[in-house]
PDB file of N, CA and C in Angstrom:
ATOM      1  N   MET A   1      -8.339   6.692   7.030  1.00  0.00           N
ATOM      2  CA  MET A   1      -8.716   5.663   6.067  1.00  0.00           C
ATOM      3  C   MET A   1      -7.531   5.425   5.147  1.00  0.00           C
ATOM      4  N   THR A   2      -7.178   4.164   4.898  1.00  0.00           N
ATOM      5  CA  THR A   2      -6.016   3.897   4.111  1.00  0.00           C
ATOM      6  C   THR A   2      -6.250   4.160   2.611  1.00  0.00           C
ATOM      7  N   MET A   3      -5.152   4.290   1.909  1.00  0.00           N
ATOM      8  CA  MET A   3      -5.216   4.500   0.442  1.00  0.00           C
ATOM      9  C   MET A   3      -5.905   3.282  -0.193  1.00  0.00           C
ATOM     10  N   PRO A   4      -5.629   2.036   0.167  1.00  0.00           N
ATOM     11  CA  PRO A   4      -6.339   0.904  -0.508  1.00  0.00           C
ATOM     12  C   PRO A   4      -7.913   0.966  -0.228  1.00  0.00           C
ATOM     13  N   THR A   5      -8.278   1.342   0.996  1.00  0.00           N
ATOM     14  CA  THR A   5      -9.663   1.479   1.314  1.00  0.00           C
ATOM     15  C   THR A   5     -10.296   2.530   0.398  1.00  0.00           C
ATOM     16  N   ARG A   6      -9.644   3.701   0.274  1.00  0.00           N
ATOM     17  CA  ARG A   6     -10.168   4.747  -0.526  1.00  0.00           C
ATOM     18  C   ARG A   6     -10.287   4.331  -1.995  1.00  0.00           C
ATOM     19  N   ALA A   7      -9.290   3.557  -2.518  1.00  0.00           N
ATOM     20  CA  ALA A   7      -9.311   3.077  -3.868  1.00  0.00           C
ATOM     21  C   ALA A   7     -10.499   2.207  -4.138  1.00  0.00           C
ATOM     22  N   VAL A   8     -10.774   1.246  -3.100  1.00  0.00           N
ATOM     23  CA  VAL A   8     -11.916   0.384  -3.236  1.00  0.00           C
ATOM     24  C   VAL A   8     -13.221   1.166  -3.225  1.00  0.00           C
ATOM     25  N   LEU A   9     -13.355   2.127  -2.300  1.00  0.00           N
ATOM     26  CA  LEU A   9     -14.549   2.975  -2.305  1.00  0.00           C
ATOM     27  C   LEU A   9     -14.741   3.792  -3.548  1.00  0.00           C
ATOM     28  N   ALA A  10     -13.681   4.306  -4.046  1.00  0.00           N
ATOM     29  CA  ALA A  10     -13.755   5.069  -5.307  1.00  0.00           C
ATOM     30  C   ALA A  10     -14.205   4.125  -6.485  1.00  0.00           C
ATOM     31  N   ALA A  11     -13.760   2.892  -6.362  1.00  0.00           N
ATOM     32  CA  ALA A  11     -14.308   1.903  -7.450  1.00  0.00           C
ATOM     33  C   ALA A  11     -15.812   1.803  -7.352  1.00  0.00           C
ATOM     34  N   PHE A  12     -16.305   1.715  -6.166  1.00  0.00           N
ATOM     35  CA  PHE A  12     -17.806   1.582  -6.020  1.00  0.00           C
ATOM     36  C   PHE A  12     -18.469   2.845  -6.404  1.00  0.00           C
ATOM     37  N   MET A  13     -17.874   4.043  -6.129  1.00  0.00           N
ATOM     38  CA  MET A  13     -18.550   5.286  -6.478  1.00  0.00           C
ATOM     39  C   MET A  13     -18.474   5.587  -7.907  1.00  0.00           C
ATOM     40  N   ALA A  14     -17.618   4.886  -8.706  1.00  0.00           N
ATOM     41  CA  ALA A  14     -17.605   5.101 -10.133  1.00  0.00           C
ATOM     42  C   ALA A  14     -18.940   4.653 -10.794  1.00  0.00           C
ATOM     43  N   LYS A  15     -19.460   3.611 -10.206  1.00  0.00           N
ATOM     44  CA  LYS A  15     -20.867   3.089 -10.578  1.00  0.00           C
ATOM     45  C   LYS A  15     -21.545   2.679  -9.302  1.00  0.00           C
ATOM     46  N   PRO A  16     -22.085   3.674  -8.624  1.00  0.00           N
ATOM     47  CA  PRO A  16     -22.641   3.401  -7.269  1.00  0.00           C
ATOM     48  C   PRO A  16     -23.898   2.541  -7.205  1.00  0.00           C
ATOM     49  N   ALA A  17     -24.684   2.363  -8.270  1.00  0.00           N
ATOM     50  CA  ALA A  17     -25.836   1.595  -8.266  1.00  0.00           C
ATOM     51  C   ALA A  17     -25.664   0.153  -8.703  1.00  0.00           C
ATOM     52  N   ASP A  18     -24.410  -0.101  -9.149  1.00  0.00           N
ATOM     53  CA  ASP A  18     -24.109  -1.478  -9.734  1.00  0.00           C
ATOM     54  C   ASP A  18     -23.623  -2.417  -8.646  1.00  0.00           C
ATOM     55  N   GLU A  19     -23.761  -3.740  -8.968  1.00  0.00           N
ATOM     56  CA  GLU A  19     -23.110  -4.728  -8.166  1.00  0.00           C
ATOM     57  C   GLU A  19     -21.731  -4.993  -8.769  1.00  0.00           C
ATOM     58  N   HIS A  20     -20.693  -5.275  -7.859  1.00  0.00           N
ATOM     59  CA  HIS A  20     -19.366  -5.594  -8.369  1.00  0.00           C
ATOM     60  C   HIS A  20     -18.836  -6.807  -7.689  1.00  0.00           C
ATOM     61  N   TYR A  21     -18.115  -7.642  -8.411  1.00  0.00           N
ATOM     62  CA  TYR A  21     -17.512  -8.769  -7.769  1.00  0.00           C
ATOM     63  C   TYR A  21     -16.003  -8.529  -7.510  1.00  0.00           C
ATOM     64  N   GLY A  22     -15.335  -9.257  -6.673  1.00  0.00           N
ATOM     65  CA  GLY A  22     -14.100  -9.075  -6.123  1.00  0.00           C
ATOM     66  C   GLY A  22     -13.036  -8.711  -7.223  1.00  0.00           C
ATOM     67  N   LEU A  23     -12.875  -9.522  -8.240  1.00  0.00           N
ATOM     68  CA  LEU A  23     -11.822  -9.235  -9.189  1.00  0.00           C
ATOM     69  C   LEU A  23     -12.060  -7.937 -10.005  1.00  0.00           C
ATOM     70  N   GLU A  24     -13.317  -7.702 -10.201  1.00  0.00           N
ATOM     71  CA  GLU A  24     -13.778  -6.376 -10.860  1.00  0.00           C
ATOM     72  C   GLU A  24     -13.329  -5.184  -9.988  1.00  0.00           C
ATOM     73  N   VAL A  25     -13.608  -5.272  -8.696  1.00  0.00           N
ATOM     74  CA  VAL A  25     -13.194  -4.213  -7.798  1.00  0.00           C
ATOM     75  C   VAL A  25     -11.685  -4.183  -7.730  1.00  0.00           C
ATOM     76  N   SER A  26     -11.030  -5.256  -7.659  1.00  0.00           N
ATOM     77  CA  SER A  26      -9.517  -5.285  -7.602  1.00  0.00           C
ATOM     78  C   SER A  26      -8.959  -4.517  -8.842  1.00  0.00           C
ATOM     79  N   GLU A  27      -9.433  -4.857 -10.015  1.00  0.00           N
ATOM     80  CA  GLU A  27      -8.944  -4.207 -11.202  1.00  0.00           C
ATOM     81  C   GLU A  27      -9.271  -2.750 -11.256  1.00  0.00           C
ATOM     82  N   ALA A  28     -10.527  -2.323 -10.831  1.00  0.00           N
ATOM     83  CA  ALA A  28     -10.829  -0.917 -10.780  1.00  0.00           C
ATOM     84  C   ALA A  28     -10.078  -0.106  -9.739  1.00  0.00           C
ATOM     85  N   ALA A  29      -9.721  -0.723  -8.676  1.00  0.00           N
ATOM     86  CA  ALA A  29      -8.905  -0.097  -7.590  1.00  0.00           C
ATOM     87  C   ALA A  29      -7.427  -0.151  -7.825  1.00  0.00           C
ATOM     88  N   GLY A  30      -7.056  -0.927  -8.759  1.00  0.00           N
ATOM     89  CA  GLY A  30      -5.598  -1.107  -9.015  1.00  0.00           C
ATOM     90  C   GLY A  30      -4.813  -1.812  -7.893  1.00  0.00           C
ATOM     91  N   LEU A  31      -5.528  -2.796  -7.333  1.00  0.00           N
ATOM     92  CA  LEU A  31      -4.958  -3.556  -6.074  1.00  0.00           C
ATOM     93  C   LEU A  31      -4.984  -5.029  -6.462  1.00  0.00           C
ATOM     94  N   ALA A  32      -4.028  -5.717  -5.732  1.00  0.00           N
ATOM     95  CA  ALA A  32      -4.087  -7.216  -5.915  1.00  0.00           C
ATOM     96  C   ALA A  32      -5.330  -7.805  -5.363  1.00  0.00           C
ATOM     97  N   PRO A  33      -5.826  -8.835  -6.051  1.00  0.00           N
ATOM     98  CA  PRO A  33      -7.097  -9.408  -5.620  1.00  0.00           C
ATOM     99  C   PRO A  33      -7.199  -9.827  -4.189  1.00  0.00           C
ATOM    100  N   GLY A  34      -6.144 -10.471  -3.676  1.00  0.00           N
ATOM    101  CA  GLY A  34      -6.143 -10.840  -2.295  1.00  0.00           C
ATOM    102  C   GLY A  34      -6.188  -9.735  -1.245  1.00  0.00           C
ATOM    103  N   SER A  35      -5.789  -8.601  -1.685  1.00  0.00           N
ATOM    104  CA  SER A  35      -5.701  -7.455  -0.733  1.00  0.00           C
ATOM    105  C   SER A  35      -6.991  -6.764  -0.559  1.00  0.00           C
ATOM    106  N   ILE A  36      -7.995  -6.971  -1.442  1.00  0.00           N
ATOM    107  CA  ILE A  36      -9.239  -6.251  -1.320  1.00  0.00           C
ATOM    108  C   ILE A  36     -10.301  -6.959  -0.484  1.00  0.00           C
ATOM    109  N   TYR A  37     -10.198  -8.348  -0.308  1.00  0.00           N
ATOM    110  CA  TYR A  37     -11.218  -8.992   0.485  1.00  0.00           C
ATOM    111  C   TYR A  37     -11.359  -8.589   1.889  1.00  0.00           C
ATOM    112  N   PRO A  38     -10.188  -8.397   2.689  1.00  0.00           N
ATOM    113  CA  PRO A  38     -10.330  -7.825   3.992  1.00  0.00           C
ATOM    114  C   PRO A  38     -11.000  -6.457   4.091  1.00  0.00           C
ATOM    115  N   ILE A  39     -10.741  -5.654   3.066  1.00  0.00           N
ATOM    116  CA  ILE A  39     -11.388  -4.325   2.970  1.00  0.00           C
ATOM    117  C   ILE A  39     -12.892  -4.485   2.685  1.00  0.00           C
ATOM    118  N   LEU A  40     -13.240  -5.406   1.754  1.00  0.00           N
ATOM    119  CA  LEU A  40     -14.688  -5.612   1.457  1.00  0.00           C
ATOM    120  C   LEU A  40     -15.401  -6.085   2.732  1.00  0.00           C
ATOM    121  N   ILE A  41     -14.732  -6.993   3.419  1.00  0.00           N
ATOM    122  CA  ILE A  41     -15.386  -7.578   4.658  1.00  0.00           C
ATOM    123  C   ILE A  41     -15.613  -6.495   5.651  1.00  0.00           C
ATOM    124  N   ARG A  42     -14.563  -5.667   5.901  1.00  0.00           N
ATOM    125  CA  ARG A  42     -14.701  -4.598   6.870  1.00  0.00           C
ATOM    126  C   ARG A  42     -15.702  -3.536   6.453  1.00  0.00           C
ATOM    127  N   LEU A  43     -15.826  -3.246   5.129  1.00  0.00           N
ATOM    128  CA  LEU A  43     -16.805  -2.262   4.728  1.00  0.00           C
ATOM    129  C   LEU A  43     -18.262  -2.892   4.830  1.00  0.00           C
ATOM    130  N   GLU A  44     -18.405  -4.193   4.641  1.00  0.00           N
ATOM    131  CA  GLU A  44     -19.650  -4.802   4.892  1.00  0.00           C
ATOM    132  C   GLU A  44     -20.054  -4.842   6.377  1.00  0.00           C
ATOM    133  N   GLN A  45     -19.068  -5.140   7.221  1.00  0.00           N
ATOM    134  CA  GLN A  45     -19.338  -5.138   8.718  1.00  0.00           C
ATOM    135  C   GLN A  45     -19.744  -3.817   9.170  1.00  0.00           C
ATOM    136  N   CYS A  46     -19.232  -2.736   8.571  1.00  0.00           N
ATOM    137  CA  CYS A  46     -19.693  -1.393   9.093  1.00  0.00           C
ATOM    138  C   CYS A  46     -20.900  -0.909   8.343  1.00  0.00           C
ATOM    139  N   GLY A  47     -21.507  -1.730   7.450  1.00  0.00           N
ATOM    140  CA  GLY A  47     -22.733  -1.417   6.889  1.00  0.00           C
ATOM    141  C   GLY A  47     -22.678  -0.594   5.651  1.00  0.00           C
ATOM    142  N   TRP A  48     -21.546  -0.399   5.124  1.00  0.00           N
ATOM    143  CA  TRP A  48     -21.407   0.432   3.902  1.00  0.00           C
ATOM    144  C   TRP A  48     -21.628  -0.390   2.633  1.00  0.00           C
ATOM    145  N   LEU A  49     -21.411  -1.684   2.696  1.00  0.00           N
ATOM    146  CA  LEU A  49     -21.657  -2.612   1.579  1.00  0.00           C
ATOM    147  C   LEU A  49     -22.622  -3.671   1.960  1.00  0.00           C
ATOM    148  N   GLU A  50     -23.313  -4.268   0.975  1.00  0.00           N
ATOM    149  CA  GLU A  50     -24.089  -5.495   1.098  1.00  0.00           C
ATOM    150  C   GLU A  50     -23.533  -6.422   0.049  1.00  0.00           C
ATOM    151  N   SER A  51     -23.754  -7.722   0.344  1.00  0.00           N
ATOM    152  CA  SER A  51     -23.247  -8.726  -0.618  1.00  0.00           C
ATOM    153  C   SER A  51     -24.208  -9.875  -0.783  1.00  0.00           C
ATOM    154  N   ARG A  52     -24.049 -10.585  -1.796  1.00  0.00           N
ATOM    155  CA  ARG A  52     -24.822 -11.825  -2.080  1.00  0.00           C
ATOM    156  C   ARG A  52     -23.967 -12.736  -2.960  1.00  0.00           C
ATOM    157  N   TRP A  53     -24.294 -14.065  -2.867  1.00  0.00           N
ATOM    158  CA  TRP A  53     -23.675 -15.015  -3.764  1.00  0.00           C
ATOM    159  C   TRP A  53     -24.456 -15.123  -4.975  1.00  0.00           C
ATOM    160  N   GLU A  54     -23.823 -15.227  -6.137  1.00  0.00           N
ATOM    161  CA  GLU A  54     -24.435 -15.392  -7.408  1.00  0.00           C
ATOM    162  C   GLU A  54     -25.132 -16.737  -7.442  1.00  0.00           C
ATOM    163  N   ASP A  55     -26.241 -16.803  -8.101  1.00  0.00           N
ATOM    164  CA  ASP A  55     -27.017 -18.066  -8.197  1.00  0.00           C
ATOM    165  C   ASP A  55     -26.873 -18.625  -9.607  1.00  0.00           C
ATOM    166  N   ILE A  56     -25.814 -19.499  -9.734  1.00  0.00           N
ATOM    167  CA  ILE A  56     -25.461 -20.086 -11.113  1.00  0.00           C
ATOM    168  C   ILE A  56     -25.139 -21.576 -10.856  1.00  0.00           C
ATOM    169  N   ASP A  57     -25.239 -22.326 -11.940  1.00  0.00           N
ATOM    170  CA  ASP A  57     -24.735 -23.665 -11.932  1.00  0.00           C
ATOM    171  C   ASP A  57     -23.305 -23.629 -12.242  1.00  0.00           C
ATOM    172  N   GLU A  58     -22.364 -23.833 -11.311  1.00  0.00           N
ATOM    173  CA  GLU A  58     -20.990 -23.688 -11.545  1.00  0.00           C
ATOM    174  C   GLU A  58     -20.497 -24.606 -12.616  1.00  0.00           C
ATOM    175  N   HIS A  59     -21.003 -25.794 -12.785  1.00  0.00           N
ATOM    176  CA  HIS A  59     -20.489 -26.753 -13.737  1.00  0.00           C
ATOM    177  C   HIS A  59     -20.895 -26.230 -15.140  1.00  0.00           C
ATOM    178  N   ALA A  60     -22.148 -25.791 -15.308  1.00  0.00           N
ATOM    179  CA  ALA A  60     -22.679 -25.334 -16.613  1.00  0.00           C
ATOM    180  C   ALA A  60     -21.878 -24.016 -16.992  1.00  0.00           C
ATOM    181  N   GLU A  61     -21.621 -23.149 -16.012  1.00  0.00           N
ATOM    182  CA  GLU A  61     -20.896 -21.942 -16.324  1.00  0.00           C
ATOM    183  C   GLU A  61     -19.395 -22.079 -16.512  1.00  0.00           C
ATOM    184  N   GLY A  62     -18.831 -23.199 -15.982  1.00  0.00           N
ATOM    185  CA  GLY A  62     -17.422 -23.466 -16.063  1.00  0.00           C
ATOM    186  C   GLY A  62     -16.632 -22.585 -15.152  1.00  0.00           C
ATOM    187  N   ARG A  63     -17.135 -22.045 -14.082  1.00  0.00           N
ATOM    188  CA  ARG A  63     -16.463 -21.180 -13.103  1.00  0.00           C
ATOM    189  C   ARG A  63     -17.144 -21.223 -11.783  1.00  0.00           C
ATOM    190  N   ARG A  64     -16.497 -20.808 -10.774  1.00  0.00           N
ATOM    191  CA  ARG A  64     -17.101 -20.725  -9.448  1.00  0.00           C
ATOM    192  C   ARG A  64     -18.083 -19.561  -9.282  1.00  0.00           C
ATOM    193  N   LYS A  65     -18.901 -19.657  -8.259  1.00  0.00           N
ATOM    194  CA  LYS A  65     -19.916 -18.525  -7.984  1.00  0.00           C
ATOM    195  C   LYS A  65     -19.114 -17.319  -7.609  1.00  0.00           C
ATOM    196  N   ARG A  66     -19.628 -16.179  -7.961  1.00  0.00           N
ATOM    197  CA  ARG A  66     -19.065 -14.952  -7.531  1.00  0.00           C
ATOM    198  C   ARG A  66     -19.864 -14.323  -6.399  1.00  0.00           C
ATOM    199  N   ARG A  67     -19.193 -13.663  -5.525  1.00  0.00           N
ATOM    200  CA  ARG A  67     -19.834 -12.888  -4.467  1.00  0.00           C
ATOM    201  C   ARG A  67     -19.927 -11.410  -4.981  1.00  0.00           C
ATOM    202  N   TYR A  68     -21.111 -10.870  -5.073  1.00  0.00           N
ATOM    203  CA  TYR A  68     -21.380  -9.566  -5.578  1.00  0.00           C
ATOM    204  C   TYR A  68     -21.539  -8.630  -4.373  1.00  0.00           C
ATOM    205  N   TYR A  69     -20.933  -7.497  -4.491  1.00  0.00           N
ATOM    206  CA  TYR A  69     -20.967  -6.387  -3.478  1.00  0.00           C
ATOM    207  C   TYR A  69     -21.634  -5.223  -4.142  1.00  0.00           C
ATOM    208  N   ARG A  70     -22.404  -4.446  -3.351  1.00  0.00           N
ATOM    209  CA  ARG A  70     -22.887  -3.176  -3.760  1.00  0.00           C
ATOM    210  C   ARG A  70     -22.938  -2.263  -2.509  1.00  0.00           C
ATOM    211  N   LEU A  71     -22.967  -0.945  -2.855  1.00  0.00           N
ATOM    212  CA  LEU A  71     -23.175  -0.036  -1.755  1.00  0.00           C
ATOM    213  C   LEU A  71     -24.467  -0.087  -1.116  1.00  0.00           C
ATOM    214  N   SER A  72     -24.579  -0.136   0.174  1.00  0.00           N
ATOM    215  CA  SER A  72     -25.832  -0.136   0.873  1.00  0.00           C
ATOM    216  C   SER A  72     -26.393   1.304   0.869  1.00  0.00           C
ATOM    217  N   GLU A  73     -27.588   1.473   1.346  1.00  0.00           N
ATOM    218  CA  GLU A  73     -28.134   2.853   1.430  1.00  0.00           C
ATOM    219  C   GLU A  73     -27.302   3.706   2.345  1.00  0.00           C
ATOM    220  N   LYS A  74     -26.877   3.114   3.399  1.00  0.00           N
ATOM    221  CA  LYS A  74     -25.998   3.823   4.407  1.00  0.00           C
ATOM    222  C   LYS A  74     -24.681   4.213   3.716  1.00  0.00           C
ATOM    223  N   GLY A  75     -24.105   3.196   2.957  1.00  0.00           N
ATOM    224  CA  GLY A  75     -22.838   3.513   2.303  1.00  0.00           C
ATOM    225  C   GLY A  75     -23.006   4.542   1.236  1.00  0.00           C
ATOM    226  N   ALA A  76     -23.991   4.577   0.476  1.00  0.00           N
ATOM    227  CA  ALA A  76     -24.200   5.539  -0.576  1.00  0.00           C
ATOM    228  C   ALA A  76     -24.278   6.909   0.005  1.00  0.00           C
ATOM    229  N   GLN A  77     -24.728   7.024   1.172  1.00  0.00           N
ATOM    230  CA  GLN A  77     -24.737   8.336   1.855  1.00  0.00           C
ATOM    231  C   GLN A  77     -23.440   8.680   2.561  1.00  0.00           C
ATOM    232  N   ALA A  78     -22.797   7.691   3.107  1.00  0.00           N
ATOM    233  CA  ALA A  78     -21.543   7.935   3.900  1.00  0.00           C
ATOM    234  C   ALA A  78     -20.389   8.038   3.082  1.00  0.00           C
ATOM    235  N   VAL A  79     -20.154   7.237   2.070  1.00  0.00           N
ATOM    236  CA  VAL A  79     -18.924   7.082   1.307  1.00  0.00           C
ATOM    237  C   VAL A  79     -18.437   8.465   0.742  1.00  0.00           C
ATOM    238  N   PRO A  80     -19.298   9.183  -0.055  1.00  0.00           N
ATOM    239  CA  PRO A  80     -18.822  10.492  -0.542  1.00  0.00           C
ATOM    240  C   PRO A  80     -18.220  11.362   0.527  1.00  0.00           C
ATOM    241  N   LEU A  81     -18.948  11.464   1.587  1.00  0.00           N
ATOM    242  CA  LEU A  81     -18.492  12.297   2.702  1.00  0.00           C
ATOM    243  C   LEU A  81     -17.177  11.772   3.369  1.00  0.00           C
ATOM    244  N   ALA A  82     -17.067  10.528   3.514  1.00  0.00           N
ATOM    245  CA  ALA A  82     -15.834   9.856   4.079  1.00  0.00           C
ATOM    246  C   ALA A  82     -14.716  10.066   3.162  1.00  0.00           C
ATOM    247  N   LEU A  83     -14.895   9.928   1.807  1.00  0.00           N
ATOM    248  CA  LEU A  83     -13.786  10.138   0.773  1.00  0.00           C
ATOM    249  C   LEU A  83     -13.337  11.607   0.917  1.00  0.00           C
ATOM    250  N   ALA A  84     -14.311  12.525   0.945  1.00  0.00           N
ATOM    251  CA  ALA A  84     -13.905  13.882   0.979  1.00  0.00           C
ATOM    252  C   ALA A  84     -13.132  14.257   2.295  1.00  0.00           C
ATOM    253  N   LYS A  85     -13.584  13.660   3.444  1.00  0.00           N
ATOM    254  CA  LYS A  85     -12.862  13.937   4.747  1.00  0.00           C
ATOM    255  C   LYS A  85     -11.461  13.247   4.657  1.00  0.00           C
ATOM    256  N   ALA A  86     -11.336  12.028   4.088  1.00  0.00           N
ATOM    257  CA  ALA A  86     -10.079  11.409   4.002  1.00  0.00           C
ATOM    258  C   ALA A  86      -9.153  12.177   3.091  1.00  0.00           C
ATOM    259  N   LYS A  87      -9.637  12.675   2.076  1.00  0.00           N
ATOM    260  CA  LYS A  87      -8.766  13.469   1.131  1.00  0.00           C
ATOM    261  C   LYS A  87      -8.234  14.744   1.922  1.00  0.00           C
ATOM    262  N   GLY A  88      -9.002  15.361   2.755  1.00  0.00           N
ATOM    263  CA  GLY A  88      -8.570  16.402   3.530  1.00  0.00           C
ATOM    264  C   GLY A  88      -7.587  16.009   4.597  1.00  0.00           C
ATOM    265  N   ARG A  89      -7.597  14.791   5.037  1.00  0.00           N
ATOM    266  CA  ARG A  89      -6.813  14.359   6.196  1.00  0.00           C
ATOM    267  C   ARG A  89      -5.457  13.744   5.693  1.00  0.00           C
ATOM    268  N   ARG A  90      -5.244  13.640   4.381  1.00  0.00           N
ATOM    269  CA  ARG A  90      -4.009  12.982   3.865  1.00  0.00           C
ATOM    270  C   ARG A  90      -2.787  13.599   4.574  1.00  0.00           C
ATOM    271  N   ARG A  91      -2.778  14.871   4.666  1.00  0.00           N
ATOM    272  CA  ARG A  91      -1.641  15.560   5.268  1.00  0.00           C
ATOM    273  C   ARG A  91      -1.477  15.334   6.738  1.00  0.00           C
ATOM    274  N   THR A  92      -2.629  14.970   7.365  1.00  0.00           N
ATOM    275  CA  THR A  92      -2.553  14.942   8.846  1.00  0.00           C
ATOM    276  C   THR A  92      -2.504  13.461   9.385  1.00  0.00           C
ATOM    277  N   GLY A  93      -2.369  12.498   8.561  1.00  0.00           N
ATOM    278  CA  GLY A  93      -2.152  11.155   8.964  1.00  0.00           C
ATOM    279  C   GLY A  93      -3.277  10.175   8.684  1.00  0.00           C
ATOM    280  N   GLY A  94      -4.495  10.628   8.202  1.00  0.00           N
ATOM    281  CA  GLY A  94      -5.540   9.776   7.873  1.00  0.00           C
ATOM    282  C   GLY A  94      -6.437   9.323   8.990  1.00  0.00           C
ATOM    283  N   ALA A  95      -7.567   8.789   8.604  1.00  0.00           N
ATOM    284  CA  ALA A  95      -8.625   8.383   9.554  1.00  0.00           C
ATOM    285  C   ALA A  95      -8.731   6.781   9.486  1.00  0.00           C
ATOM    286  N   THR A  96      -9.304   6.247  10.597  1.00  0.00           N
ATOM    287  CA  THR A  96      -9.473   4.830  10.637  1.00  0.00           C
ATOM    288  C   THR A  96     -11.013   4.566  10.534  1.00  0.00           C
ATOM    289  N   LEU A  97     -11.375   3.641   9.696  1.00  0.00           N
ATOM    290  CA  LEU A  97     -12.780   3.230   9.591  1.00  0.00           C
ATOM    291  C   LEU A  97     -13.110   2.312  10.743  1.00  0.00           C
ATOM    292  N   ARG A  98     -14.256   2.648  11.462  1.00  0.00           N
ATOM    293  CA  ARG A  98     -14.621   1.855  12.567  1.00  0.00           C
ATOM    294  C   ARG A  98     -15.765   0.953  12.253  1.00  0.00           C
ATOM    295  N   PRO A  99     -15.967  -0.181  12.974  1.00  0.00           N
ATOM    296  CA  PRO A  99     -17.034  -1.102  12.711  1.00  0.00           C
ATOM    297  C   PRO A  99     -18.442  -0.428  12.819  1.00  0.00           C
ATOM    298  N   ASP A 100     -18.632   0.619  13.525  1.00  0.00           N
ATOM    299  CA  ASP A 100     -19.891   1.234  13.646  1.00  0.00           C
ATOM    300  C   ASP A 100     -20.272   2.186  12.480  1.00  0.00           C
ATOM    301  N   GLY A 101     -19.291   2.152  11.457  1.00  0.00           N
ATOM    302  CA  GLY A 101     -19.443   2.997  10.335  1.00  0.00           C
ATOM    303  C   GLY A 101     -18.901   4.366  10.314  1.00  0.00           C
ATOM    304  N   GLY A 102     -18.338   4.756  11.474  1.00  0.00           N
ATOM    305  CA  GLY A 102     -17.738   6.086  11.559  1.00  0.00           C
ATOM    306  C   GLY A 102     -16.283   6.062  11.283  1.00  0.00           C
ATOM    307  N   LEU A 103     -15.726   7.277  11.361  1.00  0.00           N
ATOM    308  CA  LEU A 103     -14.302   7.418  11.170  1.00  0.00           C
ATOM    309  C   LEU A 103     -13.665   7.876  12.536  1.00  0.00           C
ATOM    310  N   ALA A 104     -12.513   7.358  12.772  1.00  0.00           N
ATOM    311  CA  ALA A 104     -11.789   7.789  13.975  1.00  0.00           C
ATOM    312  C   ALA A 104     -10.768   8.815  13.689  1.00  0.00           C
TER     313      ALA A 104
END
């Protein structure tokens, strides 16, 4: 698992029950906003995150809709273990997150 992926997951684990939008995750993870979206997509594809579009009137709010992400039930169970395993693998080269939700 890459350091940026670990940083994104750590941002979710700081407030695991909350929804987070991209810029918020970016700031919490200390990563550029554009770099986190591929990570968020990959985490959603493997079932660790769920997302939804905000239901607002963009004109009235004066901004675009946000996509909110939160840990899924599967993610809430898997992420702490994956982060602990990744921390232990730092010296040995790291693990790869697979679409089935496992680590290689």
